[in-house]
């Protein structure tokens, strides 16, 4: 029994659709999604992968079929039929890409808006407020690139304003220089070469470059932001999965650009508190006041008693040092 061509076409369409949908969701090409923003980006990537897989199977399938079905037979020296133009087919293969492009445009715009790309606070860009000035060295060589700050509030970035939503973000000042990232935590005074933040809390990176253009990129967050001399950049994210993720400069910034890497540690709240406690600067004022307060009321014998056994000093020798203790305490 001969199967009608319409049935074969329908079966092929079903197979192509099923395979495209499955591969579009199970391609495994993306790294782990460490934030809610990453899931949004993965959604549009999977959608594009589904469409691309379907088009690939369709185009390559037709190509292979034509190569086999219309191949030149042995001994056939004739020309093929003079077919020219097919208006309905041309309309079809013009309309389908048009619909796909418009669909992707609307979808990507929605994702970009959900990520905060259109947030009036975070994504504003007043580039005229600052400038980067380059000092030329001798013989026309490039000198140091200096970022010159001006007046006004300048920002360029992506992310939702967490304070408007009633959530106080963790503020981190980020400095990009050739070839390192420097992270400063104003809340605790910690300065580190690595980024540490708790999960399930908004993190706002206030970034600037000290020399040339850099780009802050964490693949697991699906976020990348240029860091430009003379212009502040802001990036807001909310990590959801604890882990150790690479921080990469994604903008060619010099000869050692490939080595400009760091690490982002997404901690649980308890782990982050432990990290802060272990790395917070010591309160110098309290340290300076502790020893004088503890020893002022001591007699010379009491002050030196803890050291007697360890140093092997006899009682008579300790008495001879009595007159020398007061100057020592004054120096402390």
Protein backbone atom coordinates (compact mmCIF):
# COMPACT_ATOMS: atom_id res chain seq x y z
CA UNK A 1 0.00 0.00 0.00
CA UNK A 2 1.35 3.35 -1.00
CA UNK A 3 1.34 5.93 1.80
CA UNK A 4 -0.03 9.33 0.68
CA UNK A 5 2.51 12.11 0.49
CA UNK A 6 0.47 14.29 2.85
CA UNK A 7 0.69 11.64 5.57
CA UNK A 8 4.46 11.32 5.12
CA UNK A 9 4.82 15.10 5.32
CA UNK A 10 2.71 15.18 8.49
CA UNK A 11 4.80 12.44 10.12
CA UNK A 12 8.03 14.22 9.21
CA UNK A 13 6.67 17.46 10.67
CA UNK A 14 5.73 15.71 13.92
CA UNK A 15 9.15 14.07 14.22
CA UNK A 16 10.99 17.33 13.51
CA UNK A 17 8.85 19.19 16.04
CA UNK A 18 9.32 16.60 18.79
CA UNK A 19 13.07 16.37 18.25
CA UNK A 20 13.41 20.17 18.18
CA UNK A 21 11.42 20.62 21.40
CA UNK A 22 13.39 17.91 23.18
CA UNK A 23 16.82 19.13 22.12
CA UNK A 24 15.90 22.75 22.75
CA UNK A 25 15.33 21.92 26.42
CA UNK A 26 18.08 19.30 26.85
CA UNK A 27 21.06 20.57 24.85
CA UNK A 28 23.32 20.92 27.92
CA UNK A 29 25.27 23.79 26.37
CA UNK A 30 24.80 26.28 29.22
CA UNK A 31 26.60 26.24 32.58
CA UNK A 32 24.66 25.88 35.82
CA UNK A 33 22.06 28.60 36.41
CA UNK A 34 23.02 30.31 39.67
CA UNK A 35 20.31 32.98 39.76
CA UNK A 36 16.72 33.68 38.79
CA UNK A 37 18.02 36.00 36.06
CA UNK A 38 19.94 33.07 34.59
CA UNK A 39 16.72 31.09 34.25
CA UNK A 40 15.17 33.98 32.29
CA UNK A 41 18.13 34.08 29.91
CA UNK A 42 18.10 30.30 29.57
CA UNK A 43 14.44 30.46 28.60
CA UNK A 44 15.08 32.62 25.54
CA UNK A 45 18.24 30.64 24.68
CA UNK A 46 16.27 27.37 24.77
CA UNK A 47 13.59 28.96 22.61
CA UNK A 48 16.16 29.99 20.01
CA UNK A 49 17.81 26.57 20.17
CA UNK A 50 14.44 24.89 19.53
CA UNK A 51 13.82 27.04 16.46
CA UNK A 52 17.37 26.58 15.19
CA UNK A 53 17.16 22.80 15.59
CA UNK A 54 13.89 22.65 13.68
CA UNK A 55 15.24 24.78 10.84
CA UNK A 56 18.45 22.75 10.69
CA UNK A 57 16.58 19.45 10.44
CA UNK A 58 14.17 20.86 7.87
CA UNK A 59 16.78 22.45 5.60
CA UNK A 60 19.32 19.64 5.83
CA UNK A 61 16.58 17.04 5.46
CA UNK A 62 15.33 18.61 2.22
CA UNK A 63 18.92 18.93 0.98
CA UNK A 64 19.71 15.25 1.63
CA UNK A 65 16.41 14.16 0.09
CA UNK A 66 17.08 16.19 -3.07
CA UNK A 67 20.64 14.83 -3.36
CA UNK A 68 19.31 11.28 -3.30
CA UNK A 69 15.99 11.67 -5.08
CA UNK A 70 17.19 13.84 -7.96
CA UNK A 71 20.71 12.50 -8.42
CA UNK A 72 21.93 11.93 -11.96
CA UNK A 73 21.25 8.39 -13.08
CA UNK A 74 23.82 6.28 -14.83
CA UNK A 75 23.84 7.04 -18.56
CA UNK A 76 21.57 10.09 -18.20
CA UNK A 77 23.15 13.00 -20.11
CA UNK A 78 20.02 15.17 -20.38
CA UNK A 79 19.38 18.46 -18.68
CA UNK A 80 16.93 18.83 -15.82
CA UNK A 81 13.55 20.54 -16.29
CA UNK A 82 13.84 24.36 -16.59
CA UNK A 83 12.04 25.35 -13.35
CA UNK A 84 12.19 29.06 -12.51
CA UNK A 85 10.50 30.77 -9.58
CA UNK A 86 7.80 29.67 -7.16
CA UNK A 87 5.93 32.64 -5.71
CA UNK A 88 4.04 30.77 -2.95
CA UNK A 89 7.25 29.06 -1.79
CA UNK A 90 9.16 32.34 -1.78
CA UNK A 91 6.42 34.01 0.26
CA UNK A 92 6.52 31.11 2.71
CA UNK A 93 10.26 31.14 3.32
CA UNK A 94 10.19 34.92 3.66
CA UNK A 95 7.22 35.01 6.05
CA UNK A 96 8.55 32.31 8.41
CA UNK A 97 11.88 34.07 9.21
CA UNK A 98 10.00 37.37 9.59
CA UNK A 99 7.66 35.89 12.17
CA UNK A 100 10.57 34.25 13.99
CA UNK A 101 12.58 37.47 14.15
CA UNK A 102 9.64 39.52 15.44
CA UNK A 103 8.82 36.85 18.03
CA UNK A 104 12.40 36.79 19.27
CA UNK A 105 12.49 40.59 19.39
CA UNK A 106 9.40 40.77 21.61
CA UNK A 107 10.56 37.89 23.81
CA UNK A 108 14.08 39.27 24.27
CA UNK A 109 12.71 42.74 25.05
CA UNK A 110 10.52 41.23 27.76
CA UNK A 111 13.44 39.31 29.26
CA UNK A 112 15.67 42.39 29.17
CA UNK A 113 12.99 44.39 30.96
CA UNK A 114 12.54 41.65 33.58
CA UNK A 115 16.28 41.70 34.23
CA UNK A 116 16.09 45.43 34.93
CA UNK A 117 17.65 46.64 31.71
CA UNK A 118 15.02 49.37 31.48
CA UNK A 119 15.03 50.23 35.19
CA UNK A 120 15.19 54.06 35.34
CA UNK A 121 17.50 54.02 38.36
CA UNK A 122 20.01 51.34 37.43
CA UNK A 123 20.17 51.65 33.65
CA UNK A 124 20.45 55.41 33.29
CA UNK A 125 23.41 56.60 31.25
CA UNK A 126 24.69 60.15 31.49
CA UNK A 127 27.91 59.63 29.63
CA UNK A 128 28.65 63.34 29.33
CA UNK A 129 29.26 63.67 33.05
CA UNK A 130 32.71 62.05 33.07
CA UNK A 131 35.58 61.39 30.73
CA UNK A 132 38.66 59.24 30.44
CA UNK A 133 41.88 61.12 29.64
CA UNK A 134 45.01 59.50 28.27
CA UNK A 135 48.42 61.00 28.92
CA UNK A 136 50.79 60.51 25.96
CA UNK A 137 54.30 59.51 26.84
CA UNK A 138 57.52 60.13 24.94
CA UNK A 139 57.73 59.12 21.30
CA UNK A 140 53.96 58.94 21.09
CA UNK A 141 53.74 55.88 23.35
CA UNK A 142 50.65 55.29 25.42
CA UNK A 143 50.97 56.49 28.99
CA UNK A 144 48.67 55.79 31.92
CA UNK A 145 44.95 55.95 31.28
CA UNK A 146 43.37 58.06 34.02
CA UNK A 147 39.65 58.05 34.74
CA UNK A 148 38.60 61.62 35.55
CA UNK A 149 35.42 62.01 37.57
CA UNK A 150 33.08 64.89 37.14
CA UNK A 151 30.02 66.15 38.92
CA UNK A 152 26.66 64.50 38.64
CA UNK A 153 25.19 61.05 39.10
CA UNK A 154 26.43 58.70 36.43
CA UNK A 155 25.39 55.09 35.94
CA UNK A 156 25.26 52.46 33.26
CA UNK A 157 24.07 48.98 33.98
CA UNK A 158 21.40 46.38 34.40
CA UNK A 159 19.33 45.16 37.33
CA UNK A 160 16.24 46.01 39.34
CA UNK A 161 16.41 48.66 42.05
CA UNK A 162 16.09 46.52 45.19
CA UNK A 163 15.59 49.47 47.54
CA UNK A 164 12.40 50.43 45.74
CA UNK A 165 11.16 46.90 46.47
CA UNK A 166 11.93 47.30 50.18
CA UNK A 167 15.06 45.10 50.18
CA UNK A 168 18.46 46.50 51.13
CA UNK A 169 21.09 45.12 48.74
CA UNK A 170 24.65 44.20 49.63
CA UNK A 171 26.76 47.01 48.20
CA UNK A 172 30.12 46.10 46.68
CA UNK A 173 32.45 48.57 44.99
CA UNK A 174 34.31 46.96 42.11
CA UNK A 175 37.48 48.35 40.56
CA UNK A 176 38.72 46.94 37.27
CA UNK A 177 42.39 47.49 36.47
CA UNK A 178 44.95 45.77 34.27
CA UNK A 179 44.77 42.89 35.13
CA UNK A 180 42.75 42.33 38.29
CA UNK A 181 39.41 42.90 40.00
CA UNK A 182 39.34 44.60 43.40
CA UNK A 183 36.20 44.25 45.54
CA UNK A 184 35.50 46.64 48.44
CA UNK A 185 32.66 46.06 50.91
CA UNK A 186 31.60 49.42 52.43
CA UNK A 187 29.44 47.75 55.09
CA UNK A 188 32.36 45.85 56.63
CA UNK A 189 35.47 47.60 55.30
CA UNK A 190 36.73 44.38 53.72
CA UNK A 191 38.89 44.64 50.60
CA UNK A 192 39.33 41.43 48.62
CA UNK A 193 40.44 40.09 45.27
CA UNK A 194 37.41 37.79 45.25
CA UNK A 195 33.69 38.45 45.27
CA UNK A 196 31.75 37.00 48.20
CA UNK A 197 27.99 37.35 48.64
CA UNK A 198 25.12 35.49 50.33
CA UNK A 199 22.43 33.78 48.31
CA UNK A 200 18.84 35.05 48.27
CA UNK A 201 19.94 38.64 48.87
CA UNK A 202 20.28 41.29 46.17
CA UNK A 203 23.86 42.31 45.44
CA UNK A 204 24.63 45.65 43.80
CA UNK A 205 28.02 46.03 42.17
CA UNK A 206 29.10 49.65 41.69
CA UNK A 207 31.86 49.29 39.13
CA UNK A 208 34.47 51.54 37.60
CA UNK A 209 37.62 51.08 35.55
CA UNK A 210 40.91 52.67 36.43
CA UNK A 211 42.59 52.45 33.05
CA UNK A 212 40.90 50.85 30.01
CA UNK A 213 37.54 49.25 29.21
CA UNK A 214 36.87 45.96 30.98
CA UNK A 215 33.79 43.76 31.10
CA UNK A 216 32.57 42.00 34.25
CA UNK A 217 31.14 38.57 33.36
CA UNK A 218 29.98 35.65 35.46
CA UNK A 219 28.66 32.97 33.05
CA UNK A 220 26.59 31.23 35.73
CA UNK A 221 24.68 34.47 36.37
CA UNK A 222 24.19 35.09 32.62
CA UNK A 223 25.10 38.73 33.20
CA UNK A 224 27.86 40.81 31.63
CA UNK A 225 28.46 44.52 32.07
CA UNK A 226 31.06 46.81 30.54
CA UNK A 227 33.26 48.69 33.01
CA UNK A 228 34.31 51.96 31.39
CA UNK A 229 36.88 54.57 32.51
CA UNK A 230 35.18 57.75 33.65
CA UNK A 231 31.72 56.22 33.77
CA UNK A 232 30.10 54.32 36.64
CA UNK A 233 28.52 50.96 35.91
CA UNK A 234 25.97 49.14 38.03
CA UNK A 235 25.08 45.47 38.06
CA UNK A 236 22.40 44.01 40.35
CA UNK A 237 21.81 40.29 40.78
CA UNK A 238 20.43 37.81 43.27
CA UNK A 239 22.33 34.51 43.49
CA UNK A 240 20.21 31.46 44.25
CA UNK A 241 22.67 28.54 44.22
CA UNK A 242 25.72 28.31 46.51
CA UNK A 243 28.94 27.61 44.69
CA UNK A 244 32.25 28.82 43.32
CA UNK A 245 31.93 30.60 39.97
CA UNK A 246 34.53 32.27 37.72
CA UNK A 247 34.66 36.03 37.24
CA UNK A 248 36.00 36.81 33.77
CA UNK A 249 36.96 39.98 31.93
CA UNK A 250 35.11 39.69 28.63
CA UNK A 251 36.64 42.77 26.97
CA UNK A 252 40.13 42.73 25.42
CA UNK A 253 42.02 44.97 27.85
CA UNK A 254 45.68 44.33 27.07
CA UNK A 255 48.40 41.76 26.62
CA UNK A 256 47.44 39.77 29.73
CA UNK A 257 43.68 40.03 29.26
CA UNK A 258 43.33 36.24 29.47
CA UNK A 259 44.72 36.26 32.99
CA UNK A 260 42.25 38.81 34.36
CA UNK A 261 40.15 36.35 36.31
CA UNK A 262 38.73 36.11 39.79
CA UNK A 263 36.19 34.01 41.68
CA UNK A 264 32.65 34.65 42.89
CA UNK A 265 31.69 32.71 46.00
CA UNK A 266 27.94 32.42 46.55
CA UNK A 267 27.56 31.54 50.24
CA UNK A 268 24.71 30.53 52.43
CA UNK A 269 23.91 33.36 54.90
CA UNK A 270 25.71 31.50 57.69
CA UNK A 271 28.83 30.92 55.58
CA UNK A 272 28.85 34.56 54.51
CA UNK A 273 28.66 35.73 58.14
CA UNK A 274 31.59 33.44 58.97
CA UNK A 275 33.59 34.85 56.07
CA UNK A 276 32.89 38.43 57.20
CA UNK A 277 33.89 37.60 60.78
CA UNK A 278 37.15 36.04 59.58
CA UNK A 279 38.10 38.86 57.21
CA UNK A 280 36.71 42.03 58.77
CA UNK A 281 39.42 44.53 59.78
CA UNK A 282 40.27 44.49 63.51
CA UNK A 283 38.97 47.48 65.52
CA UNK A 284 42.29 49.26 66.11
CA UNK A 285 40.92 51.68 68.68
CA UNK A 286 39.71 48.93 71.01
CA UNK A 287 43.03 47.08 70.66
CA UNK A 288 44.98 50.17 71.56
CA UNK A 289 42.91 50.80 74.68
CA UNK A 290 42.72 47.22 75.98
CA UNK A 291 46.26 46.79 77.30
CA UNK A 292 46.60 50.09 79.25
CA UNK A 293 43.21 49.57 80.92
CA UNK A 294 44.13 46.03 81.94
CA UNK A 295 47.53 46.90 83.37
CA UNK A 296 46.98 50.32 84.95
CA UNK A 297 45.59 48.86 88.18
CA UNK A 298 48.24 46.10 88.40
CA UNK A 299 51.22 46.11 90.71
CA UNK A 300 54.57 45.38 89.09
CA UNK A 301 54.56 41.89 90.58
CA UNK A 302 51.08 41.15 89.20
CA UNK A 303 52.01 42.47 85.78
CA UNK A 304 55.11 40.30 85.48
CA UNK A 305 53.76 37.22 87.25
CA UNK A 306 52.43 35.42 84.11
CA UNK A 307 55.90 35.59 82.55
CA UNK A 308 57.90 34.44 85.55
CA UNK A 309 57.40 30.71 85.09
CA UNK A 310 57.92 30.80 81.33
CA UNK A 311 61.08 32.92 81.51
CA UNK A 312 62.51 31.25 84.62
CA UNK A 313 62.92 34.55 86.49
CA UNK A 314 63.54 34.19 90.24
CA UNK A 315 61.58 36.17 92.83
CA UNK A 316 64.64 38.19 93.80
CA UNK A 317 65.24 39.10 90.18
CA UNK A 318 61.62 40.11 89.80
CA UNK A 319 61.94 42.47 92.75
CA UNK A 320 64.97 44.10 91.13
CA UNK A 321 62.90 44.88 88.05
CA UNK A 322 60.27 46.72 90.06
CA UNK A 323 61.70 50.13 89.35
CA UNK A 324 61.80 49.44 85.61
CA UNK A 325 58.17 48.42 85.20
CA UNK A 326 56.58 51.86 85.35
CA UNK A 327 58.47 53.21 82.28
CA UNK A 328 57.55 50.09 80.35
CA UNK A 329 53.87 50.56 81.18
CA UNK A 330 54.04 54.19 80.12
CA UNK A 331 55.38 53.14 76.74
CA UNK A 332 52.54 50.62 76.33
